[in-house]
All heavy atoms as atom14 arrays in JSON, in Angstrom:
{
  "sequence": "LDVAGAIYLLRQLPLKDDLQVCFDVYGVRRMWRM",
  "atom14_mask": [
    [1, 1, 1, 1, 1, 1, 1, 1, 0, 0, 0, 0, 0, 0],
    [1, 1, 1, 1, 1, 1, 1, 1, 0, 0, 0, 0, 0, 0],
    [1, 1, 1, 1, 1, 1, 1, 0, 0, 0, 0, 0, 0, 0],
    [1, 1, 1, 1, 1, 0, 0, 0, 0, 0, 0, 0, 0, 0],
    [1, 1, 1, 1, 0, 0, 0, 0, 0, 0, 0, 0, 0, 0],
    [1, 1, 1, 1, 1, 0, 0, 0, 0, 0, 0, 0, 0, 0],
    [1, 1, 1, 1, 1, 1, 1, 1, 0, 0, 0, 0, 0, 0],
    [1, 1, 1, 1, 1, 1, 1, 1, 1, 1, 1, 1, 0, 0],
    [1, 1, 1, 1, 1, 1, 1, 1, 0, 0, 0, 0, 0, 0],
    [1, 1, 1, 1, 1, 1, 1, 1, 0, 0, 0, 0, 0, 0],
    [1, 1, 1, 1, 1, 1, 1, 1, 1, 1, 1, 0, 0, 0],
    [1, 1, 1, 1, 1, 1, 1, 1, 1, 0, 0, 0, 0, 0],
    [1, 1, 1, 1, 1, 1, 1, 1, 0, 0, 0, 0, 0, 0],
    [1, 1, 1, 1, 1, 1, 1, 0, 0, 0, 0, 0, 0, 0],
    [1, 1, 1, 1, 1, 1, 1, 1, 0, 0, 0, 0, 0, 0],
    [1, 1, 1, 1, 1, 1, 1, 1, 1, 0, 0, 0, 0, 0],
    [1, 1, 1, 1, 1, 1, 1, 1, 0, 0, 0, 0, 0, 0],
    [1, 1, 1, 1, 1, 1, 1, 1, 0, 0, 0, 0, 0, 0],
    [1, 1, 1, 1, 1, 1, 1, 1, 0, 0, 0, 0, 0, 0],
    [1, 1, 1, 1, 1, 1, 1, 1, 1, 0, 0, 0, 0, 0],
    [1, 1, 1, 1, 1, 1, 1, 0, 0, 0, 0, 0, 0, 0],
    [1, 1, 1, 1, 1, 1, 0, 0, 0, 0, 0, 0, 0, 0],
    [1, 1, 1, 1, 1, 1, 1, 1, 1, 1, 1, 0, 0, 0],
    [1, 1, 1, 1, 1, 1, 1, 1, 0, 0, 0, 0, 0, 0],
    [1, 1, 1, 1, 1, 1, 1, 0, 0, 0, 0, 0, 0, 0],
    [1, 1, 1, 1, 1, 1, 1, 1, 1, 1, 1, 1, 0, 0],
    [1, 1, 1, 1, 0, 0, 0, 0, 0, 0, 0, 0, 0, 0],
    [1, 1, 1, 1, 1, 1, 1, 0, 0, 0, 0, 0, 0, 0],
    [1, 1, 1, 1, 1, 1, 1, 1, 1, 1, 1, 0, 0, 0],
    [1, 1, 1, 1, 1, 1, 1, 1, 1, 1, 1, 0, 0, 0],
    [1, 1, 1, 1, 1, 1, 1, 1, 0, 0, 0, 0, 0, 0],
    [1, 1, 1, 1, 1, 1, 1, 1, 1, 1, 1, 1, 1, 1],
    [1, 1, 1, 1, 1, 1, 1, 1, 1, 1, 1, 0, 0, 0],
    [1, 1, 1, 1, 1, 1, 1, 1, 0, 0, 0, 0, 0, 0]
  ],
  "atom14_positions": [
    [[90.73, 95.55, 109.72], [90.02, 95.16, 108.52], [90.81, 94.13, 107.73], [91.96, 93.87, 108.08], [89.75, 96.39, 107.66], [89.14, 97.64, 108.32], [88.97, 98.73, 107.29], [87.82, 97.3, 108.95], [0.0, 0.0, 0.0], [0.0, 0.0, 0.0], [0.0, 0.0, 0.0], [0.0, 0.0, 0.0], [0.0, 0.0, 0.0], [0.0, 0.0, 0.0]],
    [[90.2, 93.61, 106.67], [90.97, 92.79, 105.74], [90.9, 93.46, 104.39], [90.06, 94.31, 104.12], [90.31, 91.4, 105.61], [88.92, 91.46, 105.0], [88.82, 91.44, 103.77], [87.93, 91.57, 105.75], [0.0, 0.0, 0.0], [0.0, 0.0, 0.0], [0.0, 0.0, 0.0], [0.0, 0.0, 0.0], [0.0, 0.0, 0.0], [0.0, 0.0, 0.0]],
    [[91.83, 93.1, 103.49], [91.91, 93.8, 102.18], [90.66, 93.61, 101.33], [90.3, 94.52, 100.54], [93.16, 93.4, 101.43], [94.42, 93.93, 102.07], [93.26, 91.9, 101.25], [0.0, 0.0, 0.0], [0.0, 0.0, 0.0], [0.0, 0.0, 0.0], [0.0, 0.0, 0.0], [0.0, 0.0, 0.0], [0.0, 0.0, 0.0], [0.0, 0.0, 0.0]],
    [[90.04, 92.46, 101.4], [88.89, 92.24, 100.52], [87.65, 93.04, 100.98], [86.84, 93.46, 100.18], [88.54, 90.75, 100.46], [0.0, 0.0, 0.0], [0.0, 0.0, 0.0], [0.0, 0.0, 0.0], [0.0, 0.0, 0.0], [0.0, 0.0, 0.0], [0.0, 0.0, 0.0], [0.0, 0.0, 0.0], [0.0, 0.0, 0.0], [0.0, 0.0, 0.0]],
    [[87.51, 93.24, 102.27], [86.32, 93.93, 102.78], [86.56, 95.45, 103.0], [85.59, 96.18, 103.09], [0.0, 0.0, 0.0], [0.0, 0.0, 0.0], [0.0, 0.0, 0.0], [0.0, 0.0, 0.0], [0.0, 0.0, 0.0], [0.0, 0.0, 0.0], [0.0, 0.0, 0.0], [0.0, 0.0, 0.0], [0.0, 0.0, 0.0], [0.0, 0.0, 0.0]],
    [[87.83, 95.89, 102.99], [88.15, 97.31, 103.31], [87.48, 98.25, 102.33], [86.97, 99.31, 102.74], [89.69, 97.49, 103.31], [0.0, 0.0, 0.0], [0.0, 0.0, 0.0], [0.0, 0.0, 0.0], [0.0, 0.0, 0.0], [0.0, 0.0, 0.0], [0.0, 0.0, 0.0], [0.0, 0.0, 0.0], [0.0, 0.0, 0.0], [0.0, 0.0, 0.0]],
    [[87.44, 97.89, 101.04], [86.9, 98.84, 100.09], [85.39, 99.05, 100.28], [84.88, 100.12, 100.08], [87.15, 98.34, 98.63], [86.66, 99.37, 97.59], [86.49, 97.02, 98.37], [87.38, 100.72, 97.79], [0.0, 0.0, 0.0], [0.0, 0.0, 0.0], [0.0, 0.0, 0.0], [0.0, 0.0, 0.0], [0.0, 0.0, 0.0], [0.0, 0.0, 0.0]],
    [[84.73, 98.02, 100.78], [83.25, 98.18, 101.04], [83.02, 99.09, 102.21], [82.02, 99.85, 102.24], [82.61, 96.81, 101.19], [82.55, 96.08, 99.89], [83.63, 95.34, 99.44], [81.46, 96.14, 99.03], [83.66, 94.65, 98.22], [81.43, 95.49, 97.83], [82.52, 94.78, 97.43], [82.54, 94.14, 96.16], [0.0, 0.0, 0.0], [0.0, 0.0, 0.0]],
    [[83.88, 99.02, 103.2], [83.76, 99.93, 104.33], [84.06, 101.35, 103.88], [83.37, 102.31, 104.29], [84.66, 99.5, 105.45], [84.48, 100.31, 106.78], [84.65, 99.37, 108.02], [85.42, 101.5, 106.9], [0.0, 0.0, 0.0], [0.0, 0.0, 0.0], [0.0, 0.0, 0.0], [0.0, 0.0, 0.0], [0.0, 0.0, 0.0], [0.0, 0.0, 0.0]],
    [[85.11, 101.55, 103.07], [85.43, 102.84, 102.56], [84.28, 103.46, 101.77], [84.04, 104.7, 101.81], [86.66, 102.8, 101.65], [88.02, 102.59, 102.34], [89.15, 102.52, 101.3], [88.31, 103.72, 103.3], [0.0, 0.0, 0.0], [0.0, 0.0, 0.0], [0.0, 0.0, 0.0], [0.0, 0.0, 0.0], [0.0, 0.0, 0.0], [0.0, 0.0, 0.0]],
    [[83.53, 102.63, 101.08], [82.39, 103.15, 100.33], [81.33, 103.75, 101.23], [80.46, 104.52, 100.78], [81.76, 101.99, 99.47], [82.7, 101.54, 98.36], [82.13, 100.29, 97.65], [80.94, 100.51, 96.9], [80.29, 99.57, 96.24], [80.73, 98.3, 96.28], [79.19, 99.85, 95.58], [0.0, 0.0, 0.0], [0.0, 0.0, 0.0], [0.0, 0.0, 0.0]],
    [[81.31, 103.3, 102.5], [80.29, 103.8, 103.43], [80.71, 104.94, 104.31], [79.96, 105.44, 105.13], [79.81, 102.64, 104.33], [79.03, 101.58, 103.58], [77.83, 102.13, 102.84], [77.61, 101.83, 101.65], [77.01, 102.97, 103.46], [0.0, 0.0, 0.0], [0.0, 0.0, 0.0], [0.0, 0.0, 0.0], [0.0, 0.0, 0.0], [0.0, 0.0, 0.0]],
    [[81.97, 105.37, 104.17], [82.44, 106.48, 105.02], [81.86, 107.8, 104.49], [81.56, 107.98, 103.35], [83.97, 106.54, 104.93], [84.76, 105.45, 105.62], [86.25, 105.68, 105.51], [84.38, 105.23, 107.05], [0.0, 0.0, 0.0], [0.0, 0.0, 0.0], [0.0, 0.0, 0.0], [0.0, 0.0, 0.0], [0.0, 0.0, 0.0], [0.0, 0.0, 0.0]],
    [[81.64, 108.78, 105.4], [81.13, 110.09, 105.05], [82.24, 110.94, 104.35], [82.8, 111.81, 104.97], [80.68, 110.68, 106.38], [81.64, 110.07, 107.37], [81.87, 108.65, 106.88], [0.0, 0.0, 0.0], [0.0, 0.0, 0.0], [0.0, 0.0, 0.0], [0.0, 0.0, 0.0], [0.0, 0.0, 0.0], [0.0, 0.0, 0.0], [0.0, 0.0, 0.0]],
    [[82.52, 110.58, 103.12], [83.69, 111.21, 102.4], [83.45, 112.72, 102.25], [82.38, 113.13, 101.87], [83.89, 110.57, 101.06], [84.21, 109.04, 101.13], [84.28, 108.46, 99.74], [85.46, 108.79, 101.94], [0.0, 0.0, 0.0], [0.0, 0.0, 0.0], [0.0, 0.0, 0.0], [0.0, 0.0, 0.0], [0.0, 0.0, 0.0], [0.0, 0.0, 0.0]],
    [[84.49, 113.5, 102.52], [84.45, 114.94, 102.32], [85.9, 115.43, 102.22], [86.82, 114.71, 102.59], [83.72, 115.61, 103.47], [84.36, 115.32, 104.88], [83.56, 116.01, 105.99], [84.23, 115.73, 107.35], [83.46, 116.35, 108.42], [0.0, 0.0, 0.0], [0.0, 0.0, 0.0], [0.0, 0.0, 0.0], [0.0, 0.0, 0.0], [0.0, 0.0, 0.0]],
    [[86.08, 116.65, 101.79], [87.42, 117.21, 101.67], [88.18, 117.1, 103.02], [87.63, 117.43, 104.07], [87.36, 118.7, 101.22], [86.98, 118.84, 99.78], [87.11, 117.82, 99.06], [86.57, 119.93, 99.39], [0.0, 0.0, 0.0], [0.0, 0.0, 0.0], [0.0, 0.0, 0.0], [0.0, 0.0, 0.0], [0.0, 0.0, 0.0], [0.0, 0.0, 0.0]],
    [[89.44, 116.62, 102.89], [90.33, 116.57, 104.06], [89.94, 115.62, 105.12], [90.56, 115.62, 106.23], [90.54, 117.96, 104.69], [91.05, 119.01, 103.67], [91.98, 118.62, 102.86], [90.63, 120.12, 103.69], [0.0, 0.0, 0.0], [0.0, 0.0, 0.0], [0.0, 0.0, 0.0], [0.0, 0.0, 0.0], [0.0, 0.0, 0.0], [0.0, 0.0, 0.0]],
    [[89.02, 114.69, 104.89], [88.7, 113.68, 105.88], [89.9, 112.8, 106.08], [90.47, 112.25, 105.14], [87.5, 112.86, 105.4], [87.12, 111.68, 106.29], [86.55, 112.11, 107.62], [86.18, 110.7, 105.57], [0.0, 0.0, 0.0], [0.0, 0.0, 0.0], [0.0, 0.0, 0.0], [0.0, 0.0, 0.0], [0.0, 0.0, 0.0], [0.0, 0.0, 0.0]],
    [[90.31, 112.6, 107.32], [91.43, 111.73, 107.65], [90.95, 110.36, 108.01], [89.94, 110.19, 108.71], [92.2, 112.31, 108.86], [92.71, 113.73, 108.62], [93.75, 113.78, 107.57], [94.77, 113.07, 107.57], [93.62, 114.73, 106.62], [0.0, 0.0, 0.0], [0.0, 0.0, 0.0], [0.0, 0.0, 0.0], [0.0, 0.0, 0.0], [0.0, 0.0, 0.0]],
    [[91.62, 109.33, 107.5], [91.25, 107.91, 107.78], [92.53, 107.17, 108.23], [93.62, 107.42, 107.75], [90.6, 107.22, 106.62], [89.27, 107.87, 106.28], [91.52, 107.21, 105.37], [0.0, 0.0, 0.0], [0.0, 0.0, 0.0], [0.0, 0.0, 0.0], [0.0, 0.0, 0.0], [0.0, 0.0, 0.0], [0.0, 0.0, 0.0], [0.0, 0.0, 0.0]],
    [[92.33, 106.3, 109.17], [93.43, 105.46, 109.68], [92.88, 104.14, 110.18], [91.88, 104.14, 110.92], [94.2, 106.21, 110.81], [95.62, 105.29, 111.41], [0.0, 0.0, 0.0], [0.0, 0.0, 0.0], [0.0, 0.0, 0.0], [0.0, 0.0, 0.0], [0.0, 0.0, 0.0], [0.0, 0.0, 0.0], [0.0, 0.0, 0.0], [0.0, 0.0, 0.0]],
    [[93.42, 103.04, 109.77], [92.97, 101.75, 110.22], [94.09, 100.69, 109.94], [95.03, 100.96, 109.16], [91.69, 101.32, 109.47], [91.78, 101.33, 107.96], [92.26, 100.26, 107.22], [91.36, 102.51, 107.25], [92.32, 100.27, 105.89], [91.45, 102.5, 105.88], [91.92, 101.34, 105.17], [0.0, 0.0, 0.0], [0.0, 0.0, 0.0], [0.0, 0.0, 0.0]],
    [[93.97, 99.57, 110.61], [94.9, 98.46, 110.39], [94.24, 97.49, 109.48], [93.01, 97.25, 109.58], [95.26, 97.76, 111.76], [96.09, 98.7, 112.65], [96.62, 99.71, 112.13], [96.21, 98.41, 113.82], [0.0, 0.0, 0.0], [0.0, 0.0, 0.0], [0.0, 0.0, 0.0], [0.0, 0.0, 0.0], [0.0, 0.0, 0.0], [0.0, 0.0, 0.0]],
    [[95.0, 96.86, 108.58], [94.42, 95.97, 107.6], [95.33, 94.75, 107.41], [96.57, 94.88, 107.33], [94.15, 96.7, 106.26], [95.45, 97.31, 105.7], [93.53, 95.8, 105.24], [0.0, 0.0, 0.0], [0.0, 0.0, 0.0], [0.0, 0.0, 0.0], [0.0, 0.0, 0.0], [0.0, 0.0, 0.0], [0.0, 0.0, 0.0], [0.0, 0.0, 0.0]],
    [[94.71, 93.59, 107.3], [95.45, 92.37, 107.06], [95.67, 92.18, 105.58], [94.71, 92.29, 104.77], [94.71, 91.16, 107.6], [95.31, 89.86, 107.08], [96.41, 89.26, 107.7], [94.82, 89.26, 105.94], [96.97, 88.1, 107.2], [95.37, 88.11, 105.39], [96.45, 87.52, 106.03], [97.03, 86.41, 105.53], [0.0, 0.0, 0.0], [0.0, 0.0, 0.0]],
    [[96.9, 91.89, 105.12], [97.19, 91.58, 103.75], [98.49, 90.86, 103.62], [99.52, 91.27, 104.16], [0.0, 0.0, 0.0], [0.0, 0.0, 0.0], [0.0, 0.0, 0.0], [0.0, 0.0, 0.0], [0.0, 0.0, 0.0], [0.0, 0.0, 0.0], [0.0, 0.0, 0.0], [0.0, 0.0, 0.0], [0.0, 0.0, 0.0], [0.0, 0.0, 0.0]],
    [[98.51, 89.78, 102.83], [99.7, 89.01, 102.56], [100.39, 88.55, 103.86], [101.58, 88.73, 104.09], [100.73, 89.8, 101.7], [101.79, 88.87, 101.1], [100.0, 90.51, 100.59], [0.0, 0.0, 0.0], [0.0, 0.0, 0.0], [0.0, 0.0, 0.0], [0.0, 0.0, 0.0], [0.0, 0.0, 0.0], [0.0, 0.0, 0.0], [0.0, 0.0, 0.0]],
    [[99.61, 87.97, 104.75], [100.03, 87.37, 105.99], [100.57, 88.34, 107.0], [101.18, 87.97, 107.98], [101.06, 86.25, 105.73], [100.5, 85.07, 105.0], [101.5, 83.91, 104.96], [102.61, 84.21, 104.1], [103.86, 84.01, 104.48], [104.19, 83.54, 105.63], [104.87, 84.26, 103.61], [0.0, 0.0, 0.0], [0.0, 0.0, 0.0], [0.0, 0.0, 0.0]],
    [[100.39, 89.66, 106.76], [100.96, 90.68, 107.62], [99.83, 91.72, 108.0], [98.83, 91.79, 107.31], [102.12, 91.38, 107.0], [103.23, 90.46, 106.54], [103.86, 89.69, 107.7], [104.91, 88.78, 107.23], [105.58, 87.97, 108.02], [105.26, 87.84, 109.27], [106.55, 87.16, 107.49], [0.0, 0.0, 0.0], [0.0, 0.0, 0.0], [0.0, 0.0, 0.0]],
    [[100.1, 92.5, 108.99], [99.21, 93.59, 109.32], [99.9, 94.9, 108.92], [101.13, 95.09, 109.11], [98.95, 93.6, 110.83], [98.07, 92.51, 111.34], [96.42, 92.39, 110.56], [95.7, 93.87, 111.22], [0.0, 0.0, 0.0], [0.0, 0.0, 0.0], [0.0, 0.0, 0.0], [0.0, 0.0, 0.0], [0.0, 0.0, 0.0], [0.0, 0.0, 0.0]],
    [[99.09, 95.8, 108.32], [99.61, 97.06, 107.86], [98.73, 98.2, 108.46], [97.55, 97.97, 108.73], [99.49, 97.15, 106.31], [100.16, 96.06, 105.56], [99.75, 94.77, 105.48], [101.28, 96.17, 104.73], [100.6, 94.04, 104.72], [101.56, 94.89, 104.24], [102.12, 97.23, 104.43], [102.62, 94.63, 103.37], [103.19, 96.96, 103.57], [103.46, 95.7, 103.07]],
    [[99.35, 99.37, 108.65], [98.57, 100.52, 109.14], [98.42, 101.47, 107.95], [99.39, 101.98, 107.41], [99.25, 101.19, 110.26], [98.48, 102.42, 110.86], [98.75, 102.63, 112.32], [98.35, 101.4, 113.1], [98.94, 101.04, 114.23], [99.92, 101.76, 114.79], [98.5, 100.0, 114.86], [0.0, 0.0, 0.0], [0.0, 0.0, 0.0], [0.0, 0.0, 0.0]],
    [[97.15, 101.67, 107.56], [96.82, 102.59, 106.44], [96.49, 103.93, 107.01], [95.49, 104.08, 107.77], [95.71, 102.02, 105.66], [95.16, 102.94, 104.6], [96.34, 103.29, 103.27], [96.21, 101.71, 102.36], [0.0, 0.0, 0.0], [0.0, 0.0, 0.0], [0.0, 0.0, 0.0], [0.0, 0.0, 0.0], [0.0, 0.0, 0.0], [0.0, 0.0, 0.0]]
  ]
}
């Protein structure tokens, strides 16, 4: 994902208690694992 679009994808996740999420995201010329 990218940082600008990641929040919109998070808004569509089936959020519930203890849901685990993991993804790679581009930000500041680097890749990060969230």
